[in-house]
Amino acid sequence: MKLAQRIPEHIAESDPSLIQDLLEIPHTNRIQLEISKQALQQIIQNDLTSRQREIILLKYYHSMSNKEIARVLNLDASSVSRTLTRAKARIYKFLHVYLEYLRHAKLES
C-alpha cells in the first residue's frame, strides 16, 4: 500500500497510547511497537468499513465522546456504541491473526 493511502503519521503520533489502550498488548521493545502501530494503521485503513473507520478515528485520534460523535455524524449514540464495539472486535481479530503470524514466523527462524 502506498504511504499516501495510510493514516498520516502525525495523526497516529497524536495519541501514542491508542495502541496500548485499544489492543492491550505488552510490547518488549520499540520495533514491536512500530510493527504493531503499522499493523493497526493497515487494519484501520483496509479492514474496517468506512463508518467504522470514521468512528474509530473520531473516538481515538480526536478524543471525542460517543455523544459528540453521534452529534457530528447525525447518528444515535447507541449506533455509535454498537459500531465502535464491532470495529474494535474486527481490529482485535485481524491484529490477533497478524501477531500469530509474526510469532509463528519468529519460531521458524
C-alpha atoms as a PDB file:
ATOM      1  CA  MET A   1       0.000   0.000   0.000  1.00  0.00           C
ATOM      2  CA  LYS A   2       1.266   3.458  -0.850  1.00  0.00           C
ATOM      3  CA  LEU A   3       2.224   5.732   2.013  1.00  0.00           C
ATOM      4  CA  ALA A   4      -0.321   8.354   0.899  1.00  0.00           C
ATOM      5  CA  GLN A   5      -3.108   5.842   1.466  1.00  0.00           C
ATOM      6  CA  ARG A   6      -2.125   5.228   5.086  1.00  0.00           C
ATOM      7  CA  ILE A   7      -3.311   7.211   8.049  1.00  0.00           C
ATOM      8  CA  PRO A   8      -0.969  10.219   8.280  1.00  0.00           C
ATOM      9  CA  GLU A   9       1.835   9.688  10.791  1.00  0.00           C
ATOM     10  CA  HIS A  10       1.079  12.913  12.650  1.00  0.00           C
ATOM     11  CA  ILE A  11      -2.395  11.595  13.425  1.00  0.00           C
ATOM     12  CA  ALA A  12      -1.047   8.293  14.710  1.00  0.00           C
ATOM     13  CA  GLU A  13       1.512  10.142  16.825  1.00  0.00           C
ATOM     14  CA  SER A  14      -1.165  12.407  18.319  1.00  0.00           C
ATOM     15  CA  ASP A  15      -2.193   9.638  20.724  1.00  0.00           C
ATOM     16  CA  PRO A  16       0.598   7.071  21.103  1.00  0.00           C
ATOM     17  CA  SER A  17      -1.304   5.400  23.950  1.00  0.00           C
ATOM     18  CA  LEU A  18      -4.024   4.346  21.497  1.00  0.00           C
ATOM     19  CA  ILE A  19      -2.318   1.084  20.629  1.00  0.00           C
ATOM     20  CA  GLN A  20      -1.824   0.133  24.264  1.00  0.00           C
ATOM     21  CA  ASP A  21      -5.330   1.193  25.293  1.00  0.00           C
ATOM     22  CA  LEU A  22      -7.103  -0.314  22.333  1.00  0.00           C
ATOM     23  CA  LEU A  23      -5.215  -3.552  21.974  1.00  0.00           C
ATOM     24  CA  GLU A  24      -3.793  -4.137  25.460  1.00  0.00           C
ATOM     25  CA  ILE A  25      -0.740  -5.908  24.075  1.00  0.00           C
ATOM     26  CA  PRO A  26       2.524  -5.682  26.006  1.00  0.00           C
ATOM     27  CA  HIS A  27       5.466  -4.626  23.879  1.00  0.00           C
ATOM     28  CA  THR A  28       9.001  -5.605  24.747  1.00  0.00           C
ATOM     29  CA  ASN A  29      10.768  -3.115  22.513  1.00  0.00           C
ATOM     30  CA  ARG A  30      10.382  -0.225  20.086  1.00  0.00           C
ATOM     31  CA  ILE A  31      10.480  -2.477  16.995  1.00  0.00           C
ATOM     32  CA  GLN A  32       7.459  -4.455  18.182  1.00  0.00           C
ATOM     33  CA  LEU A  33       5.647  -1.204  18.918  1.00  0.00           C
ATOM     34  CA  GLU A  34       6.374   0.105  15.414  1.00  0.00           C
ATOM     35  CA  ILE A  35       5.248  -3.166  13.813  1.00  0.00           C
ATOM     36  CA  SER A  36       2.040  -3.114  15.855  1.00  0.00           C
ATOM     37  CA  LYS A  37       1.398   0.533  15.026  1.00  0.00           C
ATOM     38  CA  GLN A  38       1.836  -0.150  11.310  1.00  0.00           C
ATOM     39  CA  ALA A  39      -0.392  -3.219  11.534  1.00  0.00           C
ATOM     40  CA  LEU A  40      -3.048  -1.211  13.357  1.00  0.00           C
ATOM     41  CA  GLN A  41      -2.919   1.524  10.720  1.00  0.00           C
ATOM     42  CA  GLN A  42      -3.227  -1.044   7.947  1.00  0.00           C
ATOM     43  CA  ILE A  43      -6.191  -2.730   9.649  1.00  0.00           C
ATOM     44  CA  ILE A  44      -7.977   0.576  10.233  1.00  0.00           C
ATOM     45  CA  GLN A  45      -7.375   1.648   6.650  1.00  0.00           C
ATOM     46  CA  ASN A  46      -8.105  -1.639   4.877  1.00  0.00           C
ATOM     47  CA  ASP A  47     -10.280  -3.885   7.023  1.00  0.00           C
ATOM     48  CA  LEU A  48     -12.925  -1.627   8.549  1.00  0.00           C
ATOM     49  CA  THR A  49     -15.994  -0.219   6.886  1.00  0.00           C
ATOM     50  CA  SER A  50     -15.878   3.498   6.159  1.00  0.00           C
ATOM     51  CA  ARG A  51     -18.292   4.166   9.049  1.00  0.00           C
ATOM     52  CA  GLN A  52     -16.235   2.058  11.463  1.00  0.00           C
ATOM     53  CA  ARG A  53     -13.041   3.817  10.362  1.00  0.00           C
ATOM     54  CA  GLU A  54     -14.655   7.226  10.777  1.00  0.00           C
ATOM     55  CA  ILE A  55     -15.884   6.438  14.294  1.00  0.00           C
ATOM     56  CA  ILE A  56     -12.536   4.920  15.385  1.00  0.00           C
ATOM     57  CA  LEU A  57     -10.673   7.999  14.149  1.00  0.00           C
ATOM     58  CA  LEU A  58     -13.057  10.402  15.869  1.00  0.00           C
ATOM     59  CA  LYS A  59     -13.007   8.398  19.105  1.00  0.00           C
ATOM     60  CA  TYR A  60      -9.312   7.651  19.473  1.00  0.00           C
ATOM     61  CA  TYR A  61      -7.486  10.219  17.345  1.00  0.00           C
ATOM     62  CA  HIS A  62      -9.718  13.184  18.116  1.00  0.00           C
ATOM     63  CA  SER A  63     -10.740  12.122  21.655  1.00  0.00           C
ATOM     64  CA  MET A  64     -14.444  12.621  21.042  1.00  0.00           C
ATOM     65  CA  SER A  65     -17.123  11.074  23.246  1.00  0.00           C
ATOM     66  CA  ASN A  66     -19.787   8.805  21.775  1.00  0.00           C
ATOM     67  CA  LYS A  67     -22.335  11.604  22.185  1.00  0.00           C
ATOM     68  CA  GLU A  68     -20.096  14.057  20.327  1.00  0.00           C
ATOM     69  CA  ILE A  69     -19.523  11.545  17.530  1.00  0.00           C
ATOM     70  CA  ALA A  70     -23.267  10.899  17.307  1.00  0.00           C
ATOM     71  CA  ARG A  71     -23.918  14.622  17.007  1.00  0.00           C
ATOM     72  CA  VAL A  72     -21.226  15.130  14.336  1.00  0.00           C
ATOM     73  CA  LEU A  73     -22.345  12.126  12.264  1.00  0.00           C
ATOM     74  CA  ASN A  74     -26.067  12.637  12.896  1.00  0.00           C
ATOM     75  CA  LEU A  75     -26.458   9.193  14.474  1.00  0.00           C
ATOM     76  CA  ASP A  76     -27.929   7.789  17.677  1.00  0.00           C
ATOM     77  CA  ALA A  77     -25.390   7.367  20.473  1.00  0.00           C
ATOM     78  CA  SER A  78     -26.365   3.690  20.614  1.00  0.00           C
ATOM     79  CA  SER A  79     -25.450   3.302  16.921  1.00  0.00           C
ATOM     80  CA  VAL A  80     -22.058   4.841  17.608  1.00  0.00           C
ATOM     81  CA  SER A  81     -21.528   2.486  20.535  1.00  0.00           C
ATOM     82  CA  ARG A  82     -22.510  -0.609  18.519  1.00  0.00           C
ATOM     83  CA  THR A  83     -20.352   0.408  15.560  1.00  0.00           C
ATOM     84  CA  LEU A  84     -17.404   1.114  17.853  1.00  0.00           C
ATOM     85  CA  THR A  85     -17.784  -2.301  19.512  1.00  0.00           C
ATOM     86  CA  ARG A  86     -17.890  -4.048  16.130  1.00  0.00           C
ATOM     87  CA  ALA A  87     -14.910  -2.072  14.840  1.00  0.00           C
ATOM     88  CA  LYS A  88     -12.787  -2.937  17.878  1.00  0.00           C
ATOM     89  CA  ALA A  89     -13.754  -6.607  17.595  1.00  0.00           C
ATOM     90  CA  ARG A  90     -12.692  -6.554  13.953  1.00  0.00           C
ATOM     91  CA  ILE A  91      -9.398  -4.865  14.848  1.00  0.00           C
ATOM     92  CA  TYR A  92      -8.725  -7.439  17.586  1.00  0.00           C
ATOM     93  CA  LYS A  93      -9.458 -10.277  15.166  1.00  0.00           C
ATOM     94  CA  PHE A  94      -7.180  -9.030  12.391  1.00  0.00           C
ATOM     95  CA  LEU A  95      -4.387  -7.994  14.751  1.00  0.00           C
ATOM     96  CA  HIS A  96      -4.521 -11.347  16.537  1.00  0.00           C
ATOM     97  CA  VAL A  97      -4.080 -13.147  13.215  1.00  0.00           C
ATOM     98  CA  TYR A  98      -1.231 -10.826  12.293  1.00  0.00           C
ATOM     99  CA  LEU A  99       0.572 -11.278  15.613  1.00  0.00           C
ATOM    100  CA  GLU A 100       0.143 -15.046  15.494  1.00  0.00           C
ATOM    101  CA  TYR A 101       1.710 -14.996  12.028  1.00  0.00           C
ATOM    102  CA  LEU A 102       4.677 -12.991  13.394  1.00  0.00           C
ATOM    103  CA  ARG A 103       5.103 -15.348  16.342  1.00  0.00           C
ATOM    104  CA  HIS A 104       4.984 -18.369  14.055  1.00  0.00           C
ATOM    105  CA  ALA A 105       7.487 -16.815  11.640  1.00  0.00           C
ATOM    106  CA  LYS A 106       9.795 -15.951  14.553  1.00  0.00           C
ATOM    107  CA  LEU A 107       9.684 -19.531  15.862  1.00  0.00           C
ATOM    108  CA  GLU A 108      10.647 -20.919  12.461  1.00  0.00           C
ATOM    109  CA  SER A 109      13.639 -18.630  12.007  1.00  0.00           C
END
